[in-house]
C-alpha atoms as a PDB file:
ATOM      1  CA  MET A   1     -25.051 -27.697   4.012  1.00  0.00           C
ATOM      2  CA  GLU A   2     -21.834 -26.584   5.667  1.00  0.00           C
ATOM      3  CA  GLU A   3     -21.028 -22.889   6.014  1.00  0.00           C
ATOM      4  CA  ASP A   4     -17.889 -21.443   4.421  1.00  0.00           C
ATOM      5  CA  THR A   5     -16.647 -19.825   7.648  1.00  0.00           C
ATOM      6  CA  PHE A   6     -15.812 -21.171  11.083  1.00  0.00           C
ATOM      7  CA  VAL A   7     -15.018 -19.678  14.487  1.00  0.00           C
ATOM      8  CA  ASP A   8     -11.553 -20.066  15.984  1.00  0.00           C
ATOM      9  CA  TYR A   9      -9.445 -18.529  18.756  1.00  0.00           C
ATOM     10  CA  ILE A  10      -5.968 -17.119  18.125  1.00  0.00           C
ATOM     11  CA  LYS A  11      -3.298 -15.279  20.071  1.00  0.00           C
ATOM     12  CA  THR A  12      -3.208 -11.530  19.296  1.00  0.00           C
ATOM     13  CA  SER A  13      -1.600  -8.451  20.818  1.00  0.00           C
ATOM     14  CA  ALA A  14      -4.919  -7.735  22.584  1.00  0.00           C
ATOM     15  CA  ASN A  15      -5.512 -11.133  24.149  1.00  0.00           C
ATOM     16  CA  PRO A  16      -3.964 -14.612  24.225  1.00  0.00           C
ATOM     17  CA  SER A  17      -7.329 -16.040  23.158  1.00  0.00           C
ATOM     18  CA  THR A  18      -9.092 -13.739  20.678  1.00  0.00           C
ATOM     19  CA  ARG A  19     -12.178 -14.948  18.857  1.00  0.00           C
ATOM     20  CA  THR A  20     -11.915 -14.736  15.064  1.00  0.00           C
ATOM     21  CA  ILE A  21     -13.146 -16.449  11.931  1.00  0.00           C
ATOM     22  CA  GLY A  22     -11.582 -18.675   9.327  1.00  0.00           C
ATOM     23  CA  HIS A  23     -12.557 -19.693   5.819  1.00  0.00           C
ATOM     24  CA  ARG A  24     -12.984 -23.408   5.074  1.00  0.00           C
ATOM     25  CA  GLN A  25     -12.184 -23.352   1.351  1.00  0.00           C
ATOM     26  CA  CYS A  26      -8.782 -21.689   1.642  1.00  0.00           C
ATOM     27  CA  GLY A  27      -8.033 -22.506   5.297  1.00  0.00           C
ATOM     28  CA  ILE A  28      -7.092 -18.913   6.162  1.00  0.00           C
ATOM     29  CA  ILE A  29      -7.703 -17.697   9.721  1.00  0.00           C
ATOM     30  CA  PHE A  30      -8.048 -13.910   9.946  1.00  0.00           C
ATOM     31  CA  ASN A  31      -6.318 -11.719  12.555  1.00  0.00           C
ATOM     32  CA  PHE A  32      -8.416  -8.544  12.485  1.00  0.00           C
ATOM     33  CA  ILE A  33      -6.875  -7.147  15.690  1.00  0.00           C
ATOM     34  CA  ASP A  34      -3.274  -6.885  14.489  1.00  0.00           C
ATOM     35  CA  GLY A  35      -4.097  -6.471  10.804  1.00  0.00           C
ATOM     36  CA  LYS A  36      -2.043  -9.525   9.898  1.00  0.00           C
ATOM     37  CA  PHE A  37      -3.610 -11.420   7.071  1.00  0.00           C
ATOM     38  CA  ALA A  38      -2.346 -14.683   5.709  1.00  0.00           C
ATOM     39  CA  LYS A  39      -0.547 -14.252   2.438  1.00  0.00           C
ATOM     40  CA  ARG A  40      -1.570 -16.476  -0.413  1.00  0.00           C
ATOM     41  CA  TYR A  41       0.547 -17.010  -3.501  1.00  0.00           C
ATOM     42  CA  SER A  42      -1.621 -18.467  -6.262  1.00  0.00           C
ATOM     43  CA  SER A  43      -0.511 -19.804  -9.604  1.00  0.00           C
ATOM     44  CA  ARG A  44      -0.834 -17.452 -12.565  1.00  0.00           C
ATOM     45  CA  LYS A  45      -4.035 -19.225 -13.678  1.00  0.00           C
ATOM     46  CA  GLU A  46      -5.612 -19.088 -10.189  1.00  0.00           C
ATOM     47  CA  LEU A  47      -4.683 -15.419  -9.877  1.00  0.00           C
ATOM     48  CA  LYS A  48      -6.331 -14.590 -13.230  1.00  0.00           C
ATOM     49  CA  ILE A  49      -9.551 -16.215 -11.965  1.00  0.00           C
ATOM     50  CA  LEU A  50      -9.339 -14.205  -8.728  1.00  0.00           C
ATOM     51  CA  ALA A  51      -8.658 -11.029 -10.713  1.00  0.00           C
ATOM     52  CA  ALA A  52     -11.699 -11.619 -12.923  1.00  0.00           C
ATOM     53  CA  LYS A  53     -13.881 -12.113  -9.825  1.00  0.00           C
ATOM     54  CA  PHE A  54     -12.324  -8.994  -8.259  1.00  0.00           C
ATOM     55  CA  ALA A  55     -13.119  -6.995 -11.408  1.00  0.00           C
ATOM     56  CA  GLY A  56     -16.706  -8.217 -11.322  1.00  0.00           C
ATOM     57  CA  LYS A  57     -17.215  -7.414  -7.648  1.00  0.00           C
ATOM     58  CA  ASN A  58     -15.761  -3.931  -8.148  1.00  0.00           C
ATOM     59  CA  GLU A  59     -17.898  -3.420 -11.261  1.00  0.00           C
ATOM     60  CA  LEU A  60     -15.010  -2.432 -13.509  1.00  0.00           C
ATOM     61  CA  LEU A  61     -15.997  -1.096 -16.893  1.00  0.00           C
ATOM     62  CA  THR A  62     -15.417  -3.497 -19.765  1.00  0.00           C
ATOM     63  CA  GLN A  63     -12.757  -1.236 -21.284  1.00  0.00           C
ATOM     64  CA  ASN A  64     -10.810  -1.228 -17.965  1.00  0.00           C
ATOM     65  CA  ILE A  65     -10.807  -4.994 -17.340  1.00  0.00           C
ATOM     66  CA  GLY A  66      -8.109  -5.711 -19.942  1.00  0.00           C
ATOM     67  CA  GLU A  67      -5.795  -3.087 -18.485  1.00  0.00           C
ATOM     68  CA  PHE A  68      -6.431  -4.407 -14.967  1.00  0.00           C
ATOM     69  CA  LEU A  69      -5.659  -8.017 -15.977  1.00  0.00           C
ATOM     70  CA  LEU A  70      -2.510  -6.906 -17.796  1.00  0.00           C
ATOM     71  CA  GLU A  71      -1.289  -5.079 -14.673  1.00  0.00           C
ATOM     72  CA  VAL A  72      -2.080  -8.168 -12.559  1.00  0.00           C
ATOM     73  CA  ASP A  73       0.104 -10.198 -14.936  1.00  0.00           C
ATOM     74  CA  ARG A  74       2.934  -7.641 -14.746  1.00  0.00           C
ATOM     75  CA  LEU A  75       2.890  -7.594 -10.945  1.00  0.00           C
ATOM     76  CA  LYS A  76       2.788 -11.400 -10.753  1.00  0.00           C
ATOM     77  CA  SER A  77       5.873 -11.541 -12.999  1.00  0.00           C
ATOM     78  CA  ARG A  78       7.863  -9.233 -10.714  1.00  0.00           C
ATOM     79  CA  GLY A  79       8.296 -11.748  -7.912  1.00  0.00           C
ATOM     80  CA  GLN A  80       6.943 -12.618  -4.525  1.00  0.00           C
ATOM     81  CA  LEU A  81       3.945 -10.342  -4.026  1.00  0.00           C
ATOM     82  CA  SER A  82       0.919 -11.921  -2.372  1.00  0.00           C
ATOM     83  CA  ASP A  83      -2.383 -12.211  -4.216  1.00  0.00           C
ATOM     84  CA  ALA A  84      -3.889  -9.342  -2.221  1.00  0.00           C
ATOM     85  CA  GLU A  85      -0.888  -7.076  -2.890  1.00  0.00           C
ATOM     86  CA  ILE A  86      -1.126  -7.828  -6.615  1.00  0.00           C
ATOM     87  CA  LEU A  87      -4.880  -7.263  -6.900  1.00  0.00           C
ATOM     88  CA  ILE A  88      -4.861  -4.046  -4.888  1.00  0.00           C
ATOM     89  CA  GLY A  89      -1.750  -2.759  -6.640  1.00  0.00           C
ATOM     90  CA  ALA A  90      -3.202  -3.437 -10.088  1.00  0.00           C
ATOM     91  CA  TYR A  91      -6.494  -1.809  -9.126  1.00  0.00           C
ATOM     92  CA  LYS A  92      -4.744   1.318  -7.806  1.00  0.00           C
ATOM     93  CA  LYS A  93      -2.553   1.522 -10.920  1.00  0.00           C
ATOM     94  CA  MET A  94      -5.616   1.265 -13.168  1.00  0.00           C
ATOM     95  CA  LEU A  95      -7.422   4.004 -11.201  1.00  0.00           C
ATOM     96  CA  GLU A  96      -4.324   6.218 -11.325  1.00  0.00           C
ATOM     97  CA  THR A  97      -4.022   5.753 -15.092  1.00  0.00           C
ATOM     98  CA  LYS A  98      -7.698   6.657 -15.569  1.00  0.00           C
ATOM     99  CA  LYS A  99      -7.239   9.913 -13.588  1.00  0.00           C
ATOM    100  CA  HIS A 100      -4.515  11.074 -15.979  1.00  0.00           C
ATOM    101  CA  THR A 101      -6.431  10.365 -19.183  1.00  0.00           C
END
């Protein structure tokens, strides 16, 4: 059985050969030193699946999941935000809305 992550070396601001990890399924190599993460732009369907998994991992209440998914859809419709920007933005918006109710 093959692991989902692999070790690689990349150039960073700290070193021309910095050890890091990558993820086999999506092919993303992470730059933890400079905080630069690869941006992924999924289709609307793929993003909904990611959002549902995100909601599950963050243990959102059932009544909040619909609002979260709706905000994900709104942010996706706005333009060229990455998946991470959309998920985090929708999550923050949902939390902000819950504070005011």
